[in-house]
Amino acid sequence: MARIVDVLLHDQRAILTICSRITGVPDCEGVTLALPHLVDGDGVRATIPLALDAMEREGLRRSANILREAVGALTV
């Protein structure tokens, strides 16, 4: 947490694993996941692409679907 605050307050650039709403990752659009991001004083600049094999991509897709379903259940 201290590192994130330091990056934001001092307008540094760093690659940090943080949670944010994901765009541009197939089957994970709109879900908030903890992935590596480029962060600076303005916040999240970009999601760092992950080199995942097929099994890892499937696991990420399953995780995103679990989160999507859990959020959907809360909005009843």
Protein backbone atom coordinates (compact mmCIF):
# COMPACT_ATOMS: atom_id res chain seq x y z
CA MET A 1 0.00 0.00 0.00
CA ALA A 2 2.81 2.39 0.91
CA ARG A 3 4.47 1.82 -2.50
CA ILE A 4 1.23 2.59 -4.35
CA VAL A 5 0.75 5.80 -2.36
CA ASP A 6 4.39 6.78 -2.98
CA VAL A 7 4.00 6.28 -6.75
CA LEU A 8 0.79 8.31 -6.83
CA LEU A 9 1.93 11.16 -4.61
CA HIS A 10 5.35 11.60 -6.19
CA ASP A 11 4.19 11.03 -9.78
CA GLN A 12 6.55 8.11 -10.27
CA ARG A 13 6.09 5.33 -12.79
CA ALA A 14 6.04 1.74 -11.62
CA ILE A 15 4.69 -1.65 -12.57
CA LEU A 16 2.55 -2.79 -9.65
CA THR A 17 0.06 -5.59 -9.18
CA ILE A 18 -3.16 -3.82 -8.33
CA CYS A 19 -6.88 -4.42 -8.76
CA SER A 20 -8.64 -2.49 -11.49
CA ARG A 21 -11.49 -2.96 -13.95
CA ILE A 22 -10.07 -4.87 -16.90
CA THR A 23 -10.44 -3.88 -20.55
CA GLY A 24 -8.80 -5.50 -23.53
CA VAL A 25 -8.42 -8.97 -21.98
CA PRO A 26 -10.73 -11.49 -23.67
CA ASP A 27 -13.40 -12.98 -21.37
CA CYS A 28 -12.37 -10.61 -18.54
CA GLU A 29 -13.87 -7.34 -19.82
CA GLY A 30 -15.45 -5.25 -17.07
CA VAL A 31 -14.28 -7.47 -14.21
CA THR A 32 -11.96 -6.13 -11.51
CA LEU A 33 -8.87 -8.33 -11.25
CA ALA A 34 -5.43 -8.03 -9.67
CA LEU A 35 -2.98 -7.88 -12.57
CA PRO A 36 0.29 -6.04 -13.22
CA HIS A 37 -0.35 -2.43 -14.28
CA LEU A 38 1.74 0.56 -15.23
CA VAL A 39 0.85 3.17 -12.60
CA ASP A 40 1.87 6.83 -12.25
CA GLY A 41 0.65 10.01 -10.58
CA ASP A 42 -2.48 9.99 -12.75
CA GLY A 43 -3.38 6.42 -11.77
CA VAL A 44 -3.47 3.32 -13.95
CA ARG A 45 -1.90 3.91 -17.37
CA ALA A 46 -2.07 0.38 -18.80
CA THR A 47 -2.53 -3.26 -17.99
CA ILE A 48 0.68 -5.19 -18.62
CA PRO A 49 -0.08 -8.11 -20.97
CA LEU A 50 0.56 -11.52 -19.48
CA ALA A 51 2.11 -14.37 -21.44
CA LEU A 52 -0.26 -17.14 -20.40
CA ASP A 53 -0.46 -20.69 -21.67
CA ALA A 54 -3.86 -22.21 -22.50
CA MET A 55 -4.40 -23.61 -19.01
CA GLU A 56 -3.56 -20.28 -17.36
CA ARG A 57 -5.87 -18.37 -19.75
CA GLU A 58 -8.68 -20.79 -18.89
CA GLY A 59 -8.04 -20.28 -15.17
CA LEU A 60 -8.14 -16.50 -15.59
CA ARG A 61 -11.38 -16.79 -17.59
CA ARG A 62 -12.93 -19.00 -14.88
CA SER A 63 -11.87 -16.55 -12.16
CA ALA A 64 -13.40 -13.65 -14.07
CA ASN A 65 -16.66 -15.57 -14.51
CA ILE A 66 -16.81 -16.42 -10.79
CA LEU A 67 -16.36 -12.75 -9.93
CA ARG A 68 -18.90 -11.65 -12.56
CA GLU A 69 -21.49 -14.11 -11.16
CA ALA A 70 -20.80 -13.05 -7.55
CA VAL A 71 -21.31 -9.38 -8.41
CA GLY A 72 -24.47 -10.25 -10.33
CA ALA A 73 -25.84 -12.04 -7.27
CA LEU A 74 -25.29 -8.91 -5.16
CA THR A 75 -27.38 -6.67 -7.42
CA VAL A 76 -30.61 -8.63 -6.85
